[in-house]
mmCIF file of all heavy atoms, coordinates in Angstrom:
data_MODEL
# 
_entry.id   MODEL 
# 
loop_
_atom_site.group_PDB 
_atom_site.id 
_atom_site.type_symbol 
_atom_site.label_atom_id 
_atom_site.label_alt_id 
_atom_site.label_comp_id 
_atom_site.label_asym_id 
_atom_site.label_entity_id 
_atom_site.label_seq_id 
_atom_site.pdbx_PDB_ins_code 
_atom_site.Cartn_x 
_atom_site.Cartn_y 
_atom_site.Cartn_z 
_atom_site.occupancy 
_atom_site.B_iso_or_equiv 
_atom_site.pdbx_formal_charge 
_atom_site.auth_seq_id 
_atom_site.auth_comp_id 
_atom_site.auth_asym_id 
_atom_site.auth_atom_id 
_atom_site.pdbx_PDB_model_num 
ATOM 1   N N   . ARG A 1 1  ? 95.290  58.989 92.639  1.00 0.00 ? 1  ARG A N   1 
ATOM 2   C CA  . ARG A 1 1  ? 94.881  57.904 93.542  1.00 0.00 ? 1  ARG A CA  1 
ATOM 3   C C   . ARG A 1 1  ? 95.444  58.083 94.952  1.00 0.00 ? 1  ARG A C   1 
ATOM 4   O O   . ARG A 1 1  ? 94.870  57.589 95.920  1.00 0.00 ? 1  ARG A O   1 
ATOM 5   C CB  . ARG A 1 1  ? 95.344  56.560 92.985  1.00 0.00 ? 1  ARG A CB  1 
ATOM 6   C CG  . ARG A 1 1  ? 94.493  56.058 91.853  1.00 0.00 ? 1  ARG A CG  1 
ATOM 7   C CD  . ARG A 1 1  ? 94.844  54.617 91.496  1.00 0.00 ? 1  ARG A CD  1 
ATOM 8   N NE  . ARG A 1 1  ? 93.970  54.177 90.431  1.00 0.00 ? 1  ARG A NE  1 
ATOM 9   C CZ  . ARG A 1 1  ? 94.384  53.747 89.244  1.00 0.00 ? 1  ARG A CZ  1 
ATOM 10  N NH1 . ARG A 1 1  ? 95.677  53.660 88.985  1.00 0.00 ? 1  ARG A NH1 1 
ATOM 11  N NH2 . ARG A 1 1  ? 93.518  53.381 88.335  1.00 0.00 ? 1  ARG A NH2 1 
ATOM 12  N N   . GLN A 1 2  ? 96.567  58.757 95.063  1.00 0.00 ? 2  GLN A N   1 
ATOM 13  C CA  . GLN A 1 2  ? 97.201  58.953 96.360  1.00 0.00 ? 2  GLN A CA  1 
ATOM 14  C C   . GLN A 1 2  ? 96.620  60.138 97.128  1.00 0.00 ? 2  GLN A C   1 
ATOM 15  O O   . GLN A 1 2  ? 96.940  60.330 98.299  1.00 0.00 ? 2  GLN A O   1 
ATOM 16  C CB  . GLN A 1 2  ? 98.711  59.134 96.185  1.00 0.00 ? 2  GLN A CB  1 
ATOM 17  C CG  . GLN A 1 2  ? 99.393  57.886 95.652  1.00 0.00 ? 2  GLN A CG  1 
ATOM 18  C CD  . GLN A 1 2  ? 100.857 58.122 95.332  1.00 0.00 ? 2  GLN A CD  1 
ATOM 19  O OE1 . GLN A 1 2  ? 101.455 59.098 95.754  1.00 0.00 ? 2  GLN A OE1 1 
ATOM 20  N NE2 . GLN A 1 2  ? 101.434 57.211 94.567  1.00 0.00 ? 2  GLN A NE2 1 
ATOM 21  N N   . MET A 1 3  ? 95.758  60.913 96.487  1.00 0.00 ? 3  MET A N   1 
ATOM 22  C CA  . MET A 1 3  ? 95.187  62.088 97.132  1.00 0.00 ? 3  MET A CA  1 
ATOM 23  C C   . MET A 1 3  ? 93.947  61.705 97.933  1.00 0.00 ? 3  MET A C   1 
ATOM 24  O O   . MET A 1 3  ? 93.218  60.782 97.574  1.00 0.00 ? 3  MET A O   1 
ATOM 25  C CB  . MET A 1 3  ? 94.839  63.147 96.075  1.00 0.00 ? 3  MET A CB  1 
ATOM 26  C CG  . MET A 1 3  ? 96.067  63.682 95.342  1.00 0.00 ? 3  MET A CG  1 
ATOM 27  S SD  . MET A 1 3  ? 95.639  64.830 94.021  1.00 0.00 ? 3  MET A SD  1 
ATOM 28  C CE  . MET A 1 3  ? 95.396  66.306 94.988  1.00 0.00 ? 3  MET A CE  1 
ATOM 29  N N   . THR A 1 4  ? 93.731  62.459 98.994  1.00 0.00 ? 4  THR A N   1 
ATOM 30  C CA  . THR A 1 4  ? 92.530  62.250 99.809  1.00 0.00 ? 4  THR A CA  1 
ATOM 31  C C   . THR A 1 4  ? 91.324  62.852 99.091  1.00 0.00 ? 4  THR A C   1 
ATOM 32  O O   . THR A 1 4  ? 91.472  63.666 98.160  1.00 0.00 ? 4  THR A O   1 
ATOM 33  C CB  . THR A 1 4  ? 92.676  62.936 101.178 1.00 0.00 ? 4  THR A CB  1 
ATOM 34  O OG1 . THR A 1 4  ? 92.729  64.365 100.966 1.00 0.00 ? 4  THR A OG1 1 
ATOM 35  C CG2 . THR A 1 4  ? 93.911  62.467 101.931 1.00 0.00 ? 4  THR A CG2 1 
ATOM 36  N N   . GLY A 1 5  ? 90.145  62.498 99.567  1.00 0.00 ? 5  GLY A N   1 
ATOM 37  C CA  . GLY A 1 5  ? 88.923  63.080 99.016  1.00 0.00 ? 5  GLY A CA  1 
ATOM 38  C C   . GLY A 1 5  ? 88.901  64.587 99.160  1.00 0.00 ? 5  GLY A C   1 
ATOM 39  O O   . GLY A 1 5  ? 88.455  65.310 98.259  1.00 0.00 ? 5  GLY A O   1 
ATOM 40  N N   . GLU A 1 6  ? 89.403  65.057 100.292 1.00 0.00 ? 6  GLU A N   1 
ATOM 41  C CA  . GLU A 1 6  ? 89.458  66.504 100.529 1.00 0.00 ? 6  GLU A CA  1 
ATOM 42  C C   . GLU A 1 6  ? 90.397  67.190 99.537  1.00 0.00 ? 6  GLU A C   1 
ATOM 43  O O   . GLU A 1 6  ? 90.091  68.260 99.008  1.00 0.00 ? 6  GLU A O   1 
ATOM 44  C CB  . GLU A 1 6  ? 89.916  66.757 101.965 1.00 0.00 ? 6  GLU A CB  1 
ATOM 45  C CG  . GLU A 1 6  ? 89.835  68.213 102.383 1.00 0.00 ? 6  GLU A CG  1 
ATOM 46  C CD  . GLU A 1 6  ? 90.208  68.377 103.851 1.00 0.00 ? 6  GLU A CD  1 
ATOM 47  O OE1 . GLU A 1 6  ? 89.400  67.962 104.706 1.00 0.00 ? 6  GLU A OE1 1 
ATOM 48  O OE2 . GLU A 1 6  ? 91.301  68.911 104.114 1.00 0.00 ? 6  GLU A OE2 1 
ATOM 49  N N   . GLU A 1 7  ? 91.543  66.591 99.288  1.00 0.00 ? 7  GLU A N   1 
ATOM 50  C CA  . GLU A 1 7  ? 92.495  67.157 98.329  1.00 0.00 ? 7  GLU A CA  1 
ATOM 51  C C   . GLU A 1 7  ? 91.914  67.158 96.913  1.00 0.00 ? 7  GLU A C   1 
ATOM 52  O O   . GLU A 1 7  ? 92.069  68.132 96.165  1.00 0.00 ? 7  GLU A O   1 
ATOM 53  C CB  . GLU A 1 7  ? 93.806  66.371 98.354  1.00 0.00 ? 7  GLU A CB  1 
ATOM 54  C CG  . GLU A 1 7  ? 94.606  66.566 99.624  1.00 0.00 ? 7  GLU A CG  1 
ATOM 55  C CD  . GLU A 1 7  ? 95.776  65.609 99.746  1.00 0.00 ? 7  GLU A CD  1 
ATOM 56  O OE1 . GLU A 1 7  ? 95.676  64.450 99.297  1.00 0.00 ? 7  GLU A OE1 1 
ATOM 57  O OE2 . GLU A 1 7  ? 96.806  66.039 100.307 1.00 0.00 ? 7  GLU A OE2 1 
ATOM 58  N N   . LEU A 1 8  ? 91.234  66.076 96.548  1.00 0.00 ? 8  LEU A N   1 
ATOM 59  C CA  . LEU A 1 8  ? 90.622  66.007 95.224  1.00 0.00 ? 8  LEU A CA  1 
ATOM 60  C C   . LEU A 1 8  ? 89.521  67.053 95.069  1.00 0.00 ? 8  LEU A C   1 
ATOM 61  O O   . LEU A 1 8  ? 89.394  67.683 94.016  1.00 0.00 ? 8  LEU A O   1 
ATOM 62  C CB  . LEU A 1 8  ? 90.058  64.601 94.970  1.00 0.00 ? 8  LEU A CB  1 
ATOM 63  C CG  . LEU A 1 8  ? 91.101  63.515 94.759  1.00 0.00 ? 8  LEU A CG  1 
ATOM 64  C CD1 . LEU A 1 8  ? 90.431  62.145 94.765  1.00 0.00 ? 8  LEU A CD1 1 
ATOM 65  C CD2 . LEU A 1 8  ? 91.885  63.728 93.475  1.00 0.00 ? 8  LEU A CD2 1 
ATOM 66  N N   . ALA A 1 9  ? 88.728  67.270 96.118  1.00 0.00 ? 9  ALA A N   1 
ATOM 67  C CA  . ALA A 1 9  ? 87.679  68.280 96.077  1.00 0.00 ? 9  ALA A CA  1 
ATOM 68  C C   . ALA A 1 9  ? 88.281  69.671 95.910  1.00 0.00 ? 9  ALA A C   1 
ATOM 69  O O   . ALA A 1 9  ? 87.778  70.489 95.132  1.00 0.00 ? 9  ALA A O   1 
ATOM 70  C CB  . ALA A 1 9  ? 86.825  68.211 97.338  1.00 0.00 ? 9  ALA A CB  1 
ATOM 71  N N   . PHE A 1 10 ? 89.377  69.938 96.628  1.00 0.00 ? 10 PHE A N   1 
ATOM 72  C CA  . PHE A 1 10 ? 90.060  71.225 96.491  1.00 0.00 ? 10 PHE A CA  1 
ATOM 73  C C   . PHE A 1 10 ? 90.546  71.415 95.054  1.00 0.00 ? 10 PHE A C   1 
ATOM 74  O O   . PHE A 1 10 ? 90.353  72.475 94.447  1.00 0.00 ? 10 PHE A O   1 
ATOM 75  C CB  . PHE A 1 10 ? 91.249  71.328 97.456  1.00 0.00 ? 10 PHE A CB  1 
ATOM 76  C CG  . PHE A 1 10 ? 92.094  72.542 97.213  1.00 0.00 ? 10 PHE A CG  1 
ATOM 77  C CD1 . PHE A 1 10 ? 91.717  73.772 97.723  1.00 0.00 ? 10 PHE A CD1 1 
ATOM 78  C CD2 . PHE A 1 10 ? 93.245  72.464 96.428  1.00 0.00 ? 10 PHE A CD2 1 
ATOM 79  C CE1 . PHE A 1 10 ? 92.482  74.906 97.479  1.00 0.00 ? 10 PHE A CE1 1 
ATOM 80  C CE2 . PHE A 1 10 ? 93.998  73.590 96.183  1.00 0.00 ? 10 PHE A CE2 1 
ATOM 81  C CZ  . PHE A 1 10 ? 93.629  74.813 96.712  1.00 0.00 ? 10 PHE A CZ  1 
ATOM 82  N N   . LEU A 1 11 ? 91.166  70.383 94.515  1.00 0.00 ? 11 LEU A N   1 
ATOM 83  C CA  . LEU A 1 11 ? 91.690  70.447 93.149  1.00 0.00 ? 11 LEU A CA  1 
ATOM 84  C C   . LEU A 1 11 ? 90.571  70.677 92.140  1.00 0.00 ? 11 LEU A C   1 
ATOM 85  O O   . LEU A 1 11 ? 90.686  71.518 91.242  1.00 0.00 ? 11 LEU A O   1 
ATOM 86  C CB  . LEU A 1 11 ? 92.454  69.159 92.828  1.00 0.00 ? 11 LEU A CB  1 
ATOM 87  C CG  . LEU A 1 11 ? 93.170  69.083 91.495  1.00 0.00 ? 11 LEU A CG  1 
ATOM 88  C CD1 . LEU A 1 11 ? 94.187  70.198 91.338  1.00 0.00 ? 11 LEU A CD1 1 
ATOM 89  C CD2 . LEU A 1 11 ? 93.857  67.724 91.357  1.00 0.00 ? 11 LEU A CD2 1 
ATOM 90  N N   . ARG A 1 12 ? 89.468  69.938 92.305  1.00 0.00 ? 12 ARG A N   1 
ATOM 91  C CA  . ARG A 1 12 ? 88.310  70.094 91.416  1.00 0.00 ? 12 ARG A CA  1 
ATOM 92  C C   . ARG A 1 12 ? 87.794  71.532 91.466  1.00 0.00 ? 12 ARG A C   1 
ATOM 93  O O   . ARG A 1 12 ? 87.566  72.160 90.427  1.00 0.00 ? 12 ARG A O   1 
ATOM 94  C CB  . ARG A 1 12 ? 87.211  69.122 91.828  1.00 0.00 ? 12 ARG A CB  1 
ATOM 95  C CG  . ARG A 1 12 ? 85.950  69.222 90.973  1.00 0.00 ? 12 ARG A CG  1 
ATOM 96  C CD  . ARG A 1 12 ? 84.741  68.642 91.673  1.00 0.00 ? 12 ARG A CD  1 
ATOM 97  N NE  . ARG A 1 12 ? 84.485  69.377 92.911  1.00 0.00 ? 12 ARG A NE  1 
ATOM 98  C CZ  . ARG A 1 12 ? 84.015  68.828 94.019  1.00 0.00 ? 12 ARG A CZ  1 
ATOM 99  N NH1 . ARG A 1 12 ? 83.745  67.534 94.070  1.00 0.00 ? 12 ARG A NH1 1 
ATOM 100 N NH2 . ARG A 1 12 ? 83.804  69.547 95.106  1.00 0.00 ? 12 ARG A NH2 1 
ATOM 101 N N   . ASP A 1 13 ? 87.625  72.062 92.666  1.00 0.00 ? 13 ASP A N   1 
ATOM 102 C CA  . ASP A 1 13 ? 87.100  73.417 92.819  1.00 0.00 ? 13 ASP A CA  1 
ATOM 103 C C   . ASP A 1 13 ? 88.063  74.456 92.264  1.00 0.00 ? 13 ASP A C   1 
ATOM 104 O O   . ASP A 1 13 ? 87.644  75.429 91.626  1.00 0.00 ? 13 ASP A O   1 
ATOM 105 C CB  . ASP A 1 13 ? 86.786  73.709 94.279  1.00 0.00 ? 13 ASP A CB  1 
ATOM 106 C CG  . ASP A 1 13 ? 85.646  72.854 94.806  1.00 0.00 ? 13 ASP A CG  1 
ATOM 107 O OD1 . ASP A 1 13 ? 84.893  72.270 93.989  1.00 0.00 ? 13 ASP A OD1 1 
ATOM 108 O OD2 . ASP A 1 13 ? 85.520  72.739 96.043  1.00 0.00 ? 13 ASP A OD2 1 
ATOM 109 N N   . PHE A 1 14 ? 89.343  74.264 92.502  1.00 0.00 ? 14 PHE A N   1 
ATOM 110 C CA  . PHE A 1 14 ? 90.363  75.177 91.981  1.00 0.00 ? 14 PHE A CA  1 
ATOM 111 C C   . PHE A 1 14 ? 90.312  75.212 90.457  1.00 0.00 ? 14 PHE A C   1 
ATOM 112 O O   . PHE A 1 14 ? 90.328  76.284 89.844  1.00 0.00 ? 14 PHE A O   1 
ATOM 113 C CB  . PHE A 1 14 ? 91.747  74.738 92.465  1.00 0.00 ? 14 PHE A CB  1 
ATOM 114 C CG  . PHE A 1 14 ? 92.866  75.549 91.897  1.00 0.00 ? 14 PHE A CG  1 
ATOM 115 C CD1 . PHE A 1 14 ? 93.179  76.791 92.421  1.00 0.00 ? 14 PHE A CD1 1 
ATOM 116 C CD2 . PHE A 1 14 ? 93.610  75.068 90.824  1.00 0.00 ? 14 PHE A CD2 1 
ATOM 117 C CE1 . PHE A 1 14 ? 94.220  77.548 91.891  1.00 0.00 ? 14 PHE A CE1 1 
ATOM 118 C CE2 . PHE A 1 14 ? 94.650  75.807 90.290  1.00 0.00 ? 14 PHE A CE2 1 
ATOM 119 C CZ  . PHE A 1 14 ? 94.953  77.056 90.831  1.00 0.00 ? 14 PHE A CZ  1 
ATOM 120 N N   . MET A 1 15 ? 90.212  74.049 89.849  1.00 0.00 ? 15 MET A N   1 
ATOM 121 C CA  . MET A 1 15 ? 90.175  73.985 88.382  1.00 0.00 ? 15 MET A CA  1 
ATOM 122 C C   . MET A 1 15 ? 88.872  74.577 87.835  1.00 0.00 ? 15 MET A C   1 
ATOM 123 O O   . MET A 1 15 ? 88.880  75.256 86.811  1.00 0.00 ? 15 MET A O   1 
ATOM 124 C CB  . MET A 1 15 ? 90.371  72.545 87.927  1.00 0.00 ? 15 MET A CB  1 
ATOM 125 C CG  . MET A 1 15 ? 91.777  72.040 88.246  1.00 0.00 ? 15 MET A CG  1 
ATOM 126 S SD  . MET A 1 15 ? 92.024  70.326 87.815  1.00 0.00 ? 15 MET A SD  1 
ATOM 127 C CE  . MET A 1 15 ? 92.209  70.471 86.050  1.00 0.00 ? 15 MET A CE  1 
ATOM 128 N N   . ARG A 1 16 ? 87.767  74.344 88.514  1.00 0.00 ? 16 ARG A N   1 
ATOM 129 C CA  . ARG A 1 16 ? 86.487  74.916 88.087  1.00 0.00 ? 16 ARG A CA  1 
ATOM 130 C C   . ARG A 1 16 ? 86.536  76.440 88.138  1.00 0.00 ? 16 ARG A C   1 
ATOM 131 O O   . ARG A 1 16 ? 86.127  77.115 87.194  1.00 0.00 ? 16 ARG A O   1 
ATOM 132 C CB  . ARG A 1 16 ? 85.347  74.394 88.952  1.00 0.00 ? 16 ARG A CB  1 
ATOM 133 C CG  . ARG A 1 16 ? 83.981  74.948 88.497  1.00 0.00 ? 16 ARG A CG  1 
ATOM 134 C CD  . ARG A 1 16 ? 82.821  74.492 89.377  1.00 0.00 ? 16 ARG A CD  1 
ATOM 135 N NE  . ARG A 1 16 ? 82.720  73.047 89.359  1.00 0.00 ? 16 ARG A NE  1 
ATOM 136 C CZ  . ARG A 1 16 ? 82.579  72.295 90.458  1.00 0.00 ? 16 ARG A CZ  1 
ATOM 137 N NH1 . ARG A 1 16 ? 82.526  72.840 91.647  1.00 0.00 ? 16 ARG A NH1 1 
ATOM 138 N NH2 . ARG A 1 16 ? 82.475  70.994 90.363  1.00 0.00 ? 16 ARG A NH2 1 
ATOM 139 N N   . ARG A 1 17 ? 87.065  76.974 89.255  1.00 0.00 ? 17 ARG A N   1 
ATOM 140 C CA  . ARG A 1 17 ? 87.155  78.436 89.368  1.00 0.00 ? 17 ARG A CA  1 
ATOM 141 C C   . ARG A 1 17 ? 88.102  79.009 88.319  1.00 0.00 ? 17 ARG A C   1 
ATOM 142 O O   . ARG A 1 17 ? 87.836  80.081 87.760  1.00 0.00 ? 17 ARG A O   1 
ATOM 143 C CB  . ARG A 1 17 ? 87.600  78.826 90.777  1.00 0.00 ? 17 ARG A CB  1 
ATOM 144 C CG  . ARG A 1 17 ? 86.513  78.641 91.822  1.00 0.00 ? 17 ARG A CG  1 
ATOM 145 C CD  . ARG A 1 17 ? 86.877  79.271 93.172  1.00 0.00 ? 17 ARG A CD  1 
ATOM 146 N NE  . ARG A 1 17 ? 88.185  78.877 93.674  1.00 0.00 ? 17 ARG A NE  1 
ATOM 147 C CZ  . ARG A 1 17 ? 88.417  77.816 94.461  1.00 0.00 ? 17 ARG A CZ  1 
ATOM 148 N NH1 . ARG A 1 17 ? 87.415  77.039 94.832  1.00 0.00 ? 17 ARG A NH1 1 
ATOM 149 N NH2 . ARG A 1 17 ? 89.627  77.551 94.870  1.00 0.00 ? 17 ARG A NH2 1 
ATOM 150 N N   . GLY A 1 18 ? 89.176  78.311 88.033  1.00 0.00 ? 18 GLY A N   1 
ATOM 151 C CA  . GLY A 1 18 ? 90.100  78.772 86.997  1.00 0.00 ? 18 GLY A CA  1 
ATOM 152 C C   . GLY A 1 18 ? 89.445  78.797 85.628  1.00 0.00 ? 18 GLY A C   1 
ATOM 153 O O   . GLY A 1 18 ? 89.634  79.742 84.850  1.00 0.00 ? 18 GLY A O   1 
ATOM 154 N N   . ARG A 1 19 ? 88.654  77.760 85.325  1.00 0.00 ? 19 ARG A N   1 
ATOM 155 C CA  . ARG A 1 19 ? 87.942  77.725 84.041  1.00 0.00 ? 19 ARG A CA  1 
ATOM 156 C C   . ARG A 1 19 ? 86.941  78.869 83.965  1.00 0.00 ? 19 ARG A C   1 
ATOM 157 O O   . ARG A 1 19 ? 86.846  79.564 82.944  1.00 0.00 ? 19 ARG A O   1 
ATOM 158 C CB  . ARG A 1 19 ? 87.221  76.393 83.864  1.00 0.00 ? 19 ARG A CB  1 
ATOM 159 C CG  . ARG A 1 19 ? 86.554  76.280 82.484  1.00 0.00 ? 19 ARG A CG  1 
ATOM 160 C CD  . ARG A 1 19 ? 85.563  75.141 82.389  1.00 0.00 ? 19 ARG A CD  1 
ATOM 161 N NE  . ARG A 1 19 ? 84.384  75.496 83.168  1.00 0.00 ? 19 ARG A NE  1 
ATOM 162 C CZ  . ARG A 1 19 ? 83.828  74.728 84.078  1.00 0.00 ? 19 ARG A CZ  1 
ATOM 163 N NH1 . ARG A 1 19 ? 84.316  73.542 84.357  1.00 0.00 ? 19 ARG A NH1 1 
ATOM 164 N NH2 . ARG A 1 19 ? 82.757  75.120 84.738  1.00 0.00 ? 19 ARG A NH2 1 
ATOM 165 N N   . GLU A 1 20 ? 86.212  79.099 85.048  1.00 0.00 ? 20 GLU A N   1 
ATOM 166 C CA  . GLU A 1 20 ? 85.228  80.181 85.058  1.00 0.00 ? 20 GLU A CA  1 
ATOM 167 C C   . GLU A 1 20 ? 85.896  81.534 84.863  1.00 0.00 ? 20 GLU A C   1 
ATOM 168 O O   . GLU A 1 20 ? 85.383  82.400 84.156  1.00 0.00 ? 20 GLU A O   1 
ATOM 169 C CB  . GLU A 1 20 ? 84.431  80.151 86.363  1.00 0.00 ? 20 GLU A CB  1 
ATOM 170 C CG  . GLU A 1 20 ? 83.496  78.949 86.448  1.00 0.00 ? 20 GLU A CG  1 
ATOM 171 C CD  . GLU A 1 20 ? 82.932  78.722 87.846  1.00 0.00 ? 20 GLU A CD  1 
ATOM 172 O OE1 . GLU A 1 20 ? 83.345  79.426 88.802  1.00 0.00 ? 20 GLU A OE1 1 
ATOM 173 O OE2 . GLU A 1 20 ? 82.064  77.825 87.982  1.00 0.00 ? 20 GLU A OE2 1 
ATOM 174 N N   . LEU A 1 21 ? 87.051  81.729 85.486  1.00 0.00 ? 21 LEU A N   1 
ATOM 175 C CA  . LEU A 1 21 ? 87.800  82.973 85.316  1.00 0.00 ? 21 LEU A CA  1 
ATOM 176 C C   . LEU A 1 21 ? 88.187  83.165 83.852  1.00 0.00 ? 21 LEU A C   1 
ATOM 177 O O   . LEU A 1 21 ? 88.007  84.240 83.278  1.00 0.00 ? 21 LEU A O   1 
ATOM 178 C CB  . LEU A 1 21 ? 89.057  82.951 86.202  1.00 0.00 ? 21 LEU A CB  1 
ATOM 179 C CG  . LEU A 1 21 ? 89.944  84.178 86.106  1.00 0.00 ? 21 LEU A CG  1 
ATOM 180 C CD1 . LEU A 1 21 ? 90.399  84.589 87.493  1.00 0.00 ? 21 LEU A CD1 1 
ATOM 181 C CD2 . LEU A 1 21 ? 91.136  83.899 85.232  1.00 0.00 ? 21 LEU A CD2 1 
ATOM 182 N N   . GLN A 1 22 ? 88.707  82.102 83.229  1.00 0.00 ? 22 GLN A N   1 
ATOM 183 C CA  . GLN A 1 22 ? 89.108  82.185 81.822  1.00 0.00 ? 22 GLN A CA  1 
ATOM 184 C C   . GLN A 1 22 ? 87.908  82.483 80.923  1.00 0.00 ? 22 GLN A C   1 
ATOM 185 O O   . GLN A 1 22 ? 88.007  83.277 79.984  1.00 0.00 ? 22 GLN A O   1 
ATOM 186 C CB  . GLN A 1 22 ? 89.781  80.884 81.383  1.00 0.00 ? 22 GLN A CB  1 
ATOM 187 C CG  . GLN A 1 22 ? 91.101  80.607 82.066  1.00 0.00 ? 22 GLN A CG  1 
ATOM 188 C CD  . GLN A 1 22 ? 92.157  81.626 81.714  1.00 0.00 ? 22 GLN A CD  1 
ATOM 189 O OE1 . GLN A 1 22 ? 92.233  82.083 80.574  1.00 0.00 ? 22 GLN A OE1 1 
ATOM 190 N NE2 . GLN A 1 22 ? 92.988  81.982 82.668  1.00 0.00 ? 22 GLN A NE2 1 
ATOM 191 N N   . GLU A 1 23 ? 86.772  81.855 81.209  1.00 0.00 ? 23 GLU A N   1 
ATOM 192 C CA  . GLU A 1 23 ? 85.571  82.091 80.401  1.00 0.00 ? 23 GLU A CA  1 
ATOM 193 C C   . GLU A 1 23 ? 85.093  83.532 80.526  1.00 0.00 ? 23 GLU A C   1 
ATOM 194 O O   . GLU A 1 23 ? 84.709  84.155 79.533  1.00 0.00 ? 23 GLU A O   1 
ATOM 195 C CB  . GLU A 1 23 ? 84.460  81.118 80.802  1.00 0.00 ? 23 GLU A CB  1 
ATOM 196 C CG  . GLU A 1 23 ? 84.746  79.694 80.376  1.00 0.00 ? 23 GLU A CG  1 
ATOM 197 C CD  . GLU A 1 23 ? 83.776  78.686 80.965  1.00 0.00 ? 23 GLU A CD  1 
ATOM 198 O OE1 . GLU A 1 23 ? 82.989  79.038 81.879  1.00 0.00 ? 23 GLU A OE1 1 
ATOM 199 O OE2 . GLU A 1 23 ? 83.803  77.520 80.507  1.00 0.00 ? 23 GLU A OE2 1 
ATOM 200 N N   . ARG A 1 24 ? 85.106  84.073 81.753  1.00 0.00 ? 24 ARG A N   1 
ATOM 201 C CA  . ARG A 1 24 ? 84.697  85.469 81.953  1.00 0.00 ? 24 ARG A CA  1 
ATOM 202 C C   . ARG A 1 24 ? 85.584  86.401 81.142  1.00 0.00 ? 24 ARG A C   1 
ATOM 203 O O   . ARG A 1 24 ? 85.109  87.317 80.470  1.00 0.00 ? 24 ARG A O   1 
ATOM 204 C CB  . ARG A 1 24 ? 84.767  85.856 83.434  1.00 0.00 ? 24 ARG A CB  1 
ATOM 205 C CG  . ARG A 1 24 ? 83.582  85.471 84.251  1.00 0.00 ? 24 ARG A CG  1 
ATOM 206 C CD  . ARG A 1 24 ? 83.553  86.172 85.619  1.00 0.00 ? 24 ARG A CD  1 
ATOM 207 N NE  . ARG A 1 24 ? 84.805  86.108 86.363  1.00 0.00 ? 24 ARG A NE  1 
ATOM 208 C CZ  . ARG A 1 24 ? 85.176  85.074 87.130  1.00 0.00 ? 24 ARG A CZ  1 
ATOM 209 N NH1 . ARG A 1 24 ? 84.398  84.015 87.237  1.00 0.00 ? 24 ARG A NH1 1 
ATOM 210 N NH2 . ARG A 1 24 ? 86.316  85.106 87.795  1.00 0.00 ? 24 ARG A NH2 1 
ATOM 211 N N   . HIS A 1 25 ? 86.881  86.174 81.199  1.00 0.00 ? 25 HIS A N   1 
ATOM 212 C CA  . HIS A 1 25 ? 87.798  87.075 80.509  1.00 0.00 ? 25 HIS A CA  1 
ATOM 213 C C   . HIS A 1 25 ? 87.776  86.860 79.000  1.00 0.00 ? 25 HIS A C   1 
ATOM 214 O O   . HIS A 1 25 ? 87.996  87.809 78.242  1.00 0.00 ? 25 HIS A O   1 
ATOM 215 C CB  . HIS A 1 25 ? 89.199  86.966 81.102  1.00 0.00 ? 25 HIS A CB  1 
ATOM 216 C CG  . HIS A 1 25 ? 89.288  87.656 82.423  1.00 0.00 ? 25 HIS A CG  1 
ATOM 217 N ND1 . HIS A 1 25 ? 89.477  89.016 82.549  1.00 0.00 ? 25 HIS A ND1 1 
ATOM 218 C CD2 . HIS A 1 25 ? 89.139  87.184 83.682  1.00 0.00 ? 25 HIS A CD2 1 
ATOM 219 C CE1 . HIS A 1 25 ? 89.473  89.349 83.819  1.00 0.00 ? 25 HIS A CE1 1 
ATOM 220 N NE2 . HIS A 1 25 ? 89.266  88.248 84.533  1.00 0.00 ? 25 HIS A NE2 1 
ATOM 221 N N   . ALA A 1 26 ? 87.465  85.665 78.552  1.00 0.00 ? 26 ALA A N   1 
ATOM 222 C CA  . ALA A 1 26 ? 87.302  85.441 77.109  1.00 0.00 ? 26 ALA A CA  1 
ATOM 223 C C   . ALA A 1 26 ? 86.121  86.267 76.593  1.00 0.00 ? 26 ALA A C   1 
ATOM 224 O O   . ALA A 1 26 ? 86.205  86.884 75.524  1.00 0.00 ? 26 ALA A O   1 
ATOM 225 C CB  . ALA A 1 26 ? 87.095  83.954 76.818  1.00 0.00 ? 26 ALA A CB  1 
ATOM 226 N N   . LEU A 1 27 ? 85.035  86.306 77.361  1.00 0.00 ? 27 LEU A N   1 
ATOM 227 C CA  . LEU A 1 27 ? 83.885  87.132 76.969  1.00 0.00 ? 27 LEU A CA  1 
ATOM 228 C C   . LEU A 1 27 ? 84.248  88.612 76.978  1.00 0.00 ? 27 LEU A C   1 
ATOM 229 O O   . LEU A 1 27 ? 83.867  89.366 76.085  1.00 0.00 ? 27 LEU A O   1 
ATOM 230 C CB  . LEU A 1 27 ? 82.702  86.872 77.913  1.00 0.00 ? 27 LEU A CB  1 
ATOM 231 C CG  . LEU A 1 27 ? 82.050  85.506 77.800  1.00 0.00 ? 27 LEU A CG  1 
ATOM 232 C CD1 . LEU A 1 27 ? 81.025  85.310 78.923  1.00 0.00 ? 27 LEU A CD1 1 
ATOM 233 C CD2 . LEU A 1 27 ? 81.400  85.312 76.437  1.00 0.00 ? 27 LEU A CD2 1 
ATOM 234 N N   . ARG A 1 28 ? 85.008  89.018 78.000  1.00 0.00 ? 28 ARG A N   1 
ATOM 235 C CA  . ARG A 1 28 ? 85.431  90.420 78.097  1.00 0.00 ? 28 ARG A CA  1 
ATOM 236 C C   . ARG A 1 28 ? 86.289  90.805 76.890  1.00 0.00 ? 28 ARG A C   1 
ATOM 237 O O   . ARG A 1 28 ? 86.077  91.844 76.264  1.00 0.00 ? 28 ARG A O   1 
ATOM 238 C CB  . ARG A 1 28 ? 86.225  90.646 79.395  1.00 0.00 ? 28 ARG A CB  1 
ATOM 239 C CG  . ARG A 1 28 ? 86.762  92.059 79.577  1.00 0.00 ? 28 ARG A CG  1 
ATOM 240 C CD  . ARG A 1 28 ? 87.642  92.175 80.811  1.00 0.00 ? 28 ARG A CD  1 
ATOM 241 N NE  . ARG A 1 28 ? 88.817  91.316 80.775  1.00 0.00 ? 28 ARG A NE  1 
ATOM 242 C CZ  . ARG A 1 28 ? 89.950  91.616 80.093  1.00 0.00 ? 28 ARG A CZ  1 
ATOM 243 N NH1 . ARG A 1 28 ? 90.041  92.740 79.424  1.00 0.00 ? 28 ARG A NH1 1 
ATOM 244 N NH2 . ARG A 1 28 ? 90.985  90.800 80.138  1.00 0.00 ? 28 ARG A NH2 1 
ATOM 245 N N   . ILE A 1 29 ? 87.209  89.940 76.522  1.00 0.00 ? 29 ILE A N   1 
ATOM 246 C CA  . ILE A 1 29 ? 88.110  90.217 75.406  1.00 0.00 ? 29 ILE A CA  1 
ATOM 247 C C   . ILE A 1 29 ? 87.340  90.225 74.090  1.00 0.00 ? 29 ILE A C   1 
ATOM 248 O O   . ILE A 1 29 ? 87.559  91.085 73.232  1.00 0.00 ? 29 ILE A O   1 
ATOM 249 C CB  . ILE A 1 29 ? 89.275  89.210 75.388  1.00 0.00 ? 29 ILE A CB  1 
ATOM 250 C CG1 . ILE A 1 29 ? 90.172  89.453 76.610  1.00 0.00 ? 29 ILE A CG1 1 
ATOM 251 C CG2 . ILE A 1 29 ? 90.071  89.299 74.095  1.00 0.00 ? 29 ILE A CG2 1 
ATOM 252 C CD1 . ILE A 1 29 ? 91.152  88.325 76.907  1.00 0.00 ? 29 ILE A CD1 1 
# 
């Protein structure tokens, strides 16, 4: 709640990219 919209968007995108990275490597493994 204390984060700005910009900070929340950054966090959302960071987490999405991290999930995508994990999914790619799970397929590779």
